[in-house]
Amino acid sequence: MTDTGLRVERKIVVVGDGACGKTCLLRTFHDGQFPEDLKYIPTVFDVCVKSIEYNGGTVELGLWDTAGQEDYDRLRIMAYPDADVVLVCFSVDVIDSLTNVFEKWLPEVREMASRAQVMLVALKIDLRTDPVANEHIERMYQRGPLTFEEGKHMARAMGIPYIECSAIKNQHINDVFLQAVSMVVDENEFVQEPKSSCCVIL
């Protein structure tokens, strides 16, 4: 599709439990590769910008990373104003992270960003086939990783879209943000009105 030269801005806020993979999701999308050097340090507040081509125009995405820990609740709510999309994330290897979507994250988002579109995002889906991770999950929860069906059921119950991805495998990362953009950028956003020509008859 021909680039119209038109540009719009949208704000995406990412929330979810601490260490569920939010920062790796954003870094992989922004940089195009998994941050191998990343050591886990709880994010307090981080914002980056990435432009993507969409339907013949450019969408400039403001990507807001947030802290999942309760200690940062008051700081995190500063990220919500003017959010266009909120990605509510959970990790398939932490069963409680999906429970917290329903008990904590969605209520917070509905209160603090009531006008934003919301999408549920499963992270670290590569761990479903990782024997070491599966052994750890079995010890912790006496069950296997969270399944696609469980995530889809939660999303359906909340009335929001659902998507899964893996940052370390760079699997469906771009799809997450393209779907988010499609929720808040009209398909005709970049359609230019044809210039009218007028003819005067004397």
C-alpha atoms as a PDB file:
ATOM      1  CA  MET A   1       0.000   0.000   0.000  1.00  0.00           C
ATOM      2  CA  THR A   2       1.278   3.464  -0.905  1.00  0.00           C
ATOM      3  CA  ASP A   3       2.506   5.548   2.011  1.00  0.00           C
ATOM      4  CA  THR A   4       0.235   8.565   2.300  1.00  0.00           C
ATOM      5  CA  GLY A   5       2.674  10.461   4.507  1.00  0.00           C
ATOM      6  CA  LEU A   6      -0.001  10.709   7.198  1.00  0.00           C
ATOM      7  CA  ARG A   7       0.907  10.039  10.827  1.00  0.00           C
ATOM      8  CA  VAL A   8      -1.066   9.404  14.007  1.00  0.00           C
ATOM      9  CA  GLU A   9      -0.014   8.801  17.600  1.00  0.00           C
ATOM     10  CA  ARG A  10      -1.345   6.152  19.954  1.00  0.00           C
ATOM     11  CA  LYS A  11      -0.473   5.279  23.546  1.00  0.00           C
ATOM     12  CA  ILE A  12      -0.135   1.665  24.692  1.00  0.00           C
ATOM     13  CA  VAL A  13       0.241   0.812  28.381  1.00  0.00           C
ATOM     14  CA  VAL A  14       1.432  -2.640  29.464  1.00  0.00           C
ATOM     15  CA  VAL A  15       0.427  -4.004  32.879  1.00  0.00           C
ATOM     16  CA  GLY A  16       0.600  -7.313  34.723  1.00  0.00           C
ATOM     17  CA  ASP A  17       2.361  -9.039  37.595  1.00  0.00           C
ATOM     18  CA  GLY A  18       6.012  -8.299  38.274  1.00  0.00           C
ATOM     19  CA  ALA A  19       8.442 -10.526  36.329  1.00  0.00           C
ATOM     20  CA  CYS A  20       5.716 -11.831  33.998  1.00  0.00           C
ATOM     21  CA  GLY A  21       7.688 -10.655  30.949  1.00  0.00           C
ATOM     22  CA  LYS A  22       6.317  -7.192  30.156  1.00  0.00           C
ATOM     23  CA  THR A  23       9.705  -5.532  29.660  1.00  0.00           C
ATOM     24  CA  CYS A  24      10.971  -8.326  27.398  1.00  0.00           C
ATOM     25  CA  LEU A  25       7.786  -8.033  25.340  1.00  0.00           C
ATOM     26  CA  LEU A  26       8.363  -4.311  24.811  1.00  0.00           C
ATOM     27  CA  ARG A  27      12.123  -4.558  24.275  1.00  0.00           C
ATOM     28  CA  THR A  28      11.748  -7.347  21.725  1.00  0.00           C
ATOM     29  CA  PHE A  29       9.115  -5.374  19.827  1.00  0.00           C
ATOM     30  CA  HIS A  30      11.097  -2.139  19.982  1.00  0.00           C
ATOM     31  CA  ASP A  31      14.533  -3.596  19.154  1.00  0.00           C
ATOM     32  CA  GLY A  32      13.459  -6.484  16.932  1.00  0.00           C
ATOM     33  CA  GLN A  33      15.295  -9.028  19.060  1.00  0.00           C
ATOM     34  CA  PHE A  34      15.195 -10.513  22.555  1.00  0.00           C
ATOM     35  CA  PRO A  35      17.321  -8.588  25.104  1.00  0.00           C
ATOM     36  CA  GLU A  36      19.806 -11.335  26.017  1.00  0.00           C
ATOM     37  CA  ASP A  37      21.667  -9.012  28.390  1.00  0.00           C
ATOM     38  CA  LEU A  38      18.565  -8.040  30.369  1.00  0.00           C
ATOM     39  CA  LYS A  39      18.808  -8.730  34.100  1.00  0.00           C
ATOM     40  CA  TYR A  40      15.579  -8.601  36.052  1.00  0.00           C
ATOM     41  CA  ILE A  41      15.196  -5.302  37.841  1.00  0.00           C
ATOM     42  CA  PRO A  42      11.624  -4.265  38.682  1.00  0.00           C
ATOM     43  CA  THR A  43      10.543  -1.538  36.279  1.00  0.00           C
ATOM     44  CA  VAL A  44       9.322   1.593  38.004  1.00  0.00           C
ATOM     45  CA  PHE A  45       8.377   3.528  34.915  1.00  0.00           C
ATOM     46  CA  ASP A  46       9.696   3.390  31.372  1.00  0.00           C
ATOM     47  CA  VAL A  47       8.508   4.901  28.102  1.00  0.00           C
ATOM     48  CA  CYS A  48       9.777   4.326  24.582  1.00  0.00           C
ATOM     49  CA  VAL A  49       8.491   5.148  21.112  1.00  0.00           C
ATOM     50  CA  LYS A  50       8.301   3.001  18.003  1.00  0.00           C
ATOM     51  CA  SER A  51       6.797   3.890  14.639  1.00  0.00           C
ATOM     52  CA  ILE A  52       5.134   1.255  12.481  1.00  0.00           C
ATOM     53  CA  GLU A  53       3.631   1.346   9.016  1.00  0.00           C
ATOM     54  CA  TYR A  54      -0.072   0.574   9.009  1.00  0.00           C
ATOM     55  CA  ASN A  55      -2.657   0.795   6.220  1.00  0.00           C
ATOM     56  CA  GLY A  56      -0.585   3.232   4.196  1.00  0.00           C
ATOM     57  CA  GLY A  57       0.271   5.572   7.049  1.00  0.00           C
ATOM     58  CA  THR A  58       2.536   5.725  10.082  1.00  0.00           C
ATOM     59  CA  VAL A  59       1.436   5.020  13.636  1.00  0.00           C
ATOM     60  CA  GLU A  60       3.763   6.362  16.316  1.00  0.00           C
ATOM     61  CA  LEU A  61       3.336   4.177  19.377  1.00  0.00           C
ATOM     62  CA  GLY A  62       4.146   5.446  22.837  1.00  0.00           C
ATOM     63  CA  LEU A  63       4.947   2.258  24.768  1.00  0.00           C
ATOM     64  CA  TRP A  64       4.555   2.524  28.542  1.00  0.00           C
ATOM     65  CA  ASP A  65       6.154  -0.172  30.697  1.00  0.00           C
ATOM     66  CA  THR A  66       4.912  -0.349  34.287  1.00  0.00           C
ATOM     67  CA  ALA A  67       5.768  -1.990  37.594  1.00  0.00           C
ATOM     68  CA  GLY A  68       3.622  -4.896  38.734  1.00  0.00           C
ATOM     69  CA  GLN A  69       4.651  -4.806  42.382  1.00  0.00           C
ATOM     70  CA  GLU A  70       2.237  -3.341  44.946  1.00  0.00           C
ATOM     71  CA  ASP A  71       4.972  -0.974  46.150  1.00  0.00           C
ATOM     72  CA  TYR A  72       4.611   0.944  42.889  1.00  0.00           C
ATOM     73  CA  ASP A  73       0.806   1.123  42.687  1.00  0.00           C
ATOM     74  CA  ARG A  74       0.738   4.899  43.094  1.00  0.00           C
ATOM     75  CA  LEU A  75       3.349   5.414  40.391  1.00  0.00           C
ATOM     76  CA  ARG A  76       1.767   2.959  37.973  1.00  0.00           C
ATOM     77  CA  ILE A  77      -1.580   4.743  37.875  1.00  0.00           C
ATOM     78  CA  MET A  78       0.224   7.769  36.414  1.00  0.00           C
ATOM     79  CA  ALA A  79       0.669   5.771  33.205  1.00  0.00           C
ATOM     80  CA  TYR A  80      -3.038   5.330  32.512  1.00  0.00           C
ATOM     81  CA  PRO A  81      -4.266   8.819  31.501  1.00  0.00           C
ATOM     82  CA  ASP A  82      -4.895   9.111  27.738  1.00  0.00           C
ATOM     83  CA  ALA A  83      -4.092   5.431  27.145  1.00  0.00           C
ATOM     84  CA  ASP A  84      -5.545   4.166  23.877  1.00  0.00           C
ATOM     85  CA  VAL A  85      -4.833   0.487  24.539  1.00  0.00           C
ATOM     86  CA  VAL A  86      -3.921  -1.399  27.706  1.00  0.00           C
ATOM     87  CA  LEU A  87      -2.247  -4.782  27.326  1.00  0.00           C
ATOM     88  CA  VAL A  88      -3.029  -6.890  30.399  1.00  0.00           C
ATOM     89  CA  CYS A  89      -0.325  -9.560  30.572  1.00  0.00           C
ATOM     90  CA  PHE A  90       0.213 -12.853  32.350  1.00  0.00           C
ATOM     91  CA  SER A  91       2.877 -15.549  32.139  1.00  0.00           C
ATOM     92  CA  VAL A  92       1.920 -19.137  31.337  1.00  0.00           C
ATOM     93  CA  ASP A  93       4.347 -20.479  33.949  1.00  0.00           C
ATOM     94  CA  VAL A  94       2.843 -18.527  36.868  1.00  0.00           C
ATOM     95  CA  ILE A  95      -0.714 -19.667  37.541  1.00  0.00           C
ATOM     96  CA  ASP A  96      -1.397 -16.789  39.921  1.00  0.00           C
ATOM     97  CA  SER A  97      -0.605 -14.251  37.206  1.00  0.00           C
ATOM     98  CA  LEU A  98      -3.782 -15.222  35.340  1.00  0.00           C
ATOM     99  CA  THR A  99      -5.827 -15.169  38.537  1.00  0.00           C
ATOM    100  CA  ASN A 100      -4.529 -11.663  39.200  1.00  0.00           C
ATOM    101  CA  VAL A 101      -5.720 -10.523  35.769  1.00  0.00           C
ATOM    102  CA  PHE A 102      -9.272 -11.013  36.991  1.00  0.00           C
ATOM    103  CA  GLU A 103      -8.791 -10.017  40.629  1.00  0.00           C
ATOM    104  CA  LYS A 104      -6.429  -7.042  40.256  1.00  0.00           C
ATOM    105  CA  TRP A 105      -5.468  -5.896  36.782  1.00  0.00           C
ATOM    106  CA  LEU A 106      -8.735  -5.693  34.933  1.00  0.00           C
ATOM    107  CA  PRO A 107     -10.517  -3.863  37.803  1.00  0.00           C
ATOM    108  CA  GLU A 108      -7.621  -1.383  37.985  1.00  0.00           C
ATOM    109  CA  VAL A 109      -7.675  -0.808  34.227  1.00  0.00           C
ATOM    110  CA  ARG A 110     -11.448  -0.391  34.142  1.00  0.00           C
ATOM    111  CA  GLU A 111     -11.195   2.225  36.886  1.00  0.00           C
ATOM    112  CA  MET A 112      -8.110   4.128  35.743  1.00  0.00           C
ATOM    113  CA  ALA A 113      -8.411   3.850  31.944  1.00  0.00           C
ATOM    114  CA  SER A 114     -12.112   3.364  31.351  1.00  0.00           C
ATOM    115  CA  ARG A 115     -11.983   4.642  27.757  1.00  0.00           C
ATOM    116  CA  ALA A 116      -9.054   2.489  26.661  1.00  0.00           C
ATOM    117  CA  GLN A 117      -9.336  -0.677  24.610  1.00  0.00           C
ATOM    118  CA  VAL A 118      -8.064  -3.717  26.528  1.00  0.00           C
ATOM    119  CA  MET A 119      -6.409  -6.913  25.325  1.00  0.00           C
ATOM    120  CA  LEU A 120      -5.279  -9.983  27.271  1.00  0.00           C
ATOM    121  CA  VAL A 121      -1.774 -11.172  26.370  1.00  0.00           C
ATOM    122  CA  ALA A 122      -0.181 -14.487  27.369  1.00  0.00           C
ATOM    123  CA  LEU A 123       3.614 -14.274  27.654  1.00  0.00           C
ATOM    124  CA  LYS A 124       6.412 -16.888  27.660  1.00  0.00           C
ATOM    125  CA  ILE A 125       4.409 -19.483  25.732  1.00  0.00           C
ATOM    126  CA  ASP A 126       7.701 -21.186  24.800  1.00  0.00           C
ATOM    127  CA  LEU A 127       7.816 -22.521  28.377  1.00  0.00           C
ATOM    128  CA  ARG A 128       4.932 -24.875  27.641  1.00  0.00           C
ATOM    129  CA  THR A 129       7.389 -27.139  25.837  1.00  0.00           C
ATOM    130  CA  ASP A 130      10.368 -26.555  28.143  1.00  0.00           C
ATOM    131  CA  PRO A 131      10.970 -29.679  30.303  1.00  0.00           C
ATOM    132  CA  VAL A 132      12.800 -27.762  33.043  1.00  0.00           C
ATOM    133  CA  ALA A 133      10.072 -25.127  33.250  1.00  0.00           C
ATOM    134  CA  ASN A 134       7.381 -27.799  33.291  1.00  0.00           C
ATOM    135  CA  GLU A 135       9.098 -29.592  36.158  1.00  0.00           C
ATOM    136  CA  HIS A 136       9.262 -26.337  38.129  1.00  0.00           C
ATOM    137  CA  ILE A 137       5.607 -25.540  37.443  1.00  0.00           C
ATOM    138  CA  GLU A 138       4.606 -29.049  38.515  1.00  0.00           C
ATOM    139  CA  ARG A 139       6.475 -28.629  41.814  1.00  0.00           C
ATOM    140  CA  MET A 140       4.959 -25.201  42.444  1.00  0.00           C
ATOM    141  CA  TYR A 141       1.367 -25.787  41.385  1.00  0.00           C
ATOM    142  CA  GLN A 142       0.916 -29.553  40.974  1.00  0.00           C
ATOM    143  CA  ARG A 143      -0.167 -28.968  37.381  1.00  0.00           C
ATOM    144  CA  GLY A 144       1.201 -27.924  33.987  1.00  0.00           C
ATOM    145  CA  PRO A 145       1.520 -24.460  32.417  1.00  0.00           C
ATOM    146  CA  LEU A 146      -1.510 -22.338  31.663  1.00  0.00           C
ATOM    147  CA  THR A 147      -3.085 -23.430  28.386  1.00  0.00           C
ATOM    148  CA  PHE A 148      -4.396 -21.498  25.394  1.00  0.00           C
ATOM    149  CA  GLU A 149      -7.911 -22.575  26.359  1.00  0.00           C
ATOM    150  CA  GLU A 150      -7.550 -21.139  29.882  1.00  0.00           C
ATOM    151  CA  GLY A 151      -6.370 -17.792  28.557  1.00  0.00           C
ATOM    152  CA  LYS A 152      -9.082 -17.695  25.918  1.00  0.00           C
ATOM    153  CA  HIS A 153     -11.728 -18.552  28.508  1.00  0.00           C
ATOM    154  CA  MET A 154     -10.569 -15.697  30.746  1.00  0.00           C
ATOM    155  CA  ALA A 155     -10.588 -13.238  27.843  1.00  0.00           C
ATOM    156  CA  ARG A 156     -14.051 -14.347  26.779  1.00  0.00           C
ATOM    157  CA  ALA A 157     -15.336 -13.926  30.338  1.00  0.00           C
ATOM    158  CA  MET A 158     -13.929 -10.387  30.395  1.00  0.00           C
ATOM    159  CA  GLY A 159     -15.176  -9.569  26.905  1.00  0.00           C
ATOM    160  CA  ILE A 160     -11.765  -8.667  25.480  1.00  0.00           C
ATOM    161  CA  PRO A 161      -9.492 -10.014  22.692  1.00  0.00           C
ATOM    162  CA  TYR A 162      -6.797 -12.582  23.453  1.00  0.00           C
ATOM    163  CA  ILE A 163      -3.380 -13.242  21.930  1.00  0.00           C
ATOM    164  CA  GLU A 164      -0.286 -15.254  22.897  1.00  0.00           C
ATOM    165  CA  CYS A 165       3.405 -14.645  22.280  1.00  0.00           C
ATOM    166  CA  SER A 166       6.978 -15.511  23.206  1.00  0.00           C
ATOM    167  CA  ALA A 167       9.611 -12.795  23.425  1.00  0.00           C
ATOM    168  CA  ILE A 168      12.594 -15.139  23.567  1.00  0.00           C
ATOM    169  CA  LYS A 169      11.418 -16.865  20.366  1.00  0.00           C
ATOM    170  CA  ASN A 170      10.174 -13.580  18.861  1.00  0.00           C
ATOM    171  CA  GLN A 171       6.922 -15.411  18.200  1.00  0.00           C
ATOM    172  CA  HIS A 172       3.803 -13.304  17.479  1.00  0.00           C
ATOM    173  CA  ILE A 173       5.388 -10.209  19.053  1.00  0.00           C
ATOM    174  CA  ASN A 174       4.549  -7.928  16.133  1.00  0.00           C
ATOM    175  CA  ASP A 175       1.075  -9.469  15.962  1.00  0.00           C
ATOM    176  CA  VAL A 176       0.367  -8.263  19.503  1.00  0.00           C
ATOM    177  CA  PHE A 177       0.959  -4.647  18.572  1.00  0.00           C
ATOM    178  CA  LEU A 178      -0.647  -4.829  15.141  1.00  0.00           C
ATOM    179  CA  GLN A 179      -3.796  -6.158  16.772  1.00  0.00           C
ATOM    180  CA  ALA A 180      -3.614  -3.403  19.386  1.00  0.00           C
ATOM    181  CA  VAL A 181      -3.271  -0.779  16.658  1.00  0.00           C
ATOM    182  CA  SER A 182      -6.193  -2.248  14.723  1.00  0.00           C
ATOM    183  CA  MET A 183      -8.378  -1.653  17.783  1.00  0.00           C
ATOM    184  CA  VAL A 184      -7.744   2.093  17.840  1.00  0.00           C
ATOM    185  CA  VAL A 185      -6.817   3.129  14.310  1.00  0.00           C
ATOM    186  CA  ASP A 186      -9.707   3.178  11.859  1.00  0.00           C
ATOM    187  CA  GLU A 187      -9.042   1.313   8.614  1.00  0.00           C
ATOM    188  CA  ASN A 188      -9.822   4.533   6.739  1.00  0.00           C
ATOM    189  CA  GLU A 189      -7.624   6.705   8.974  1.00  0.00           C
ATOM    190  CA  PHE A 190      -5.029   7.237   6.257  1.00  0.00           C
ATOM    191  CA  VAL A 191      -7.353   7.505   3.277  1.00  0.00           C
ATOM    192  CA  GLN A 192      -6.875  10.894   1.704  1.00  0.00           C
ATOM    193  CA  GLU A 193      -9.880  12.654   0.287  1.00  0.00           C
ATOM    194  CA  PRO A 194      -9.486  13.199  -3.460  1.00  0.00           C
ATOM    195  CA  LYS A 195      -8.882  16.793  -4.390  1.00  0.00           C
ATOM    196  CA  SER A 196     -11.981  18.270  -5.924  1.00  0.00           C
ATOM    197  CA  SER A 197     -11.763  20.041  -9.237  1.00  0.00           C
ATOM    198  CA  CYS A 198     -14.258  22.672 -10.187  1.00  0.00           C
ATOM    199  CA  CYS A 199     -15.155  23.943 -13.577  1.00  0.00           C
ATOM    200  CA  VAL A 200     -16.659  27.348 -14.125  1.00  0.00           C
ATOM    201  CA  ILE A 201     -18.764  27.803 -17.238  1.00  0.00           C
ATOM    202  CA  LEU A 202     -19.169  31.358 -18.419  1.00  0.00           C
END
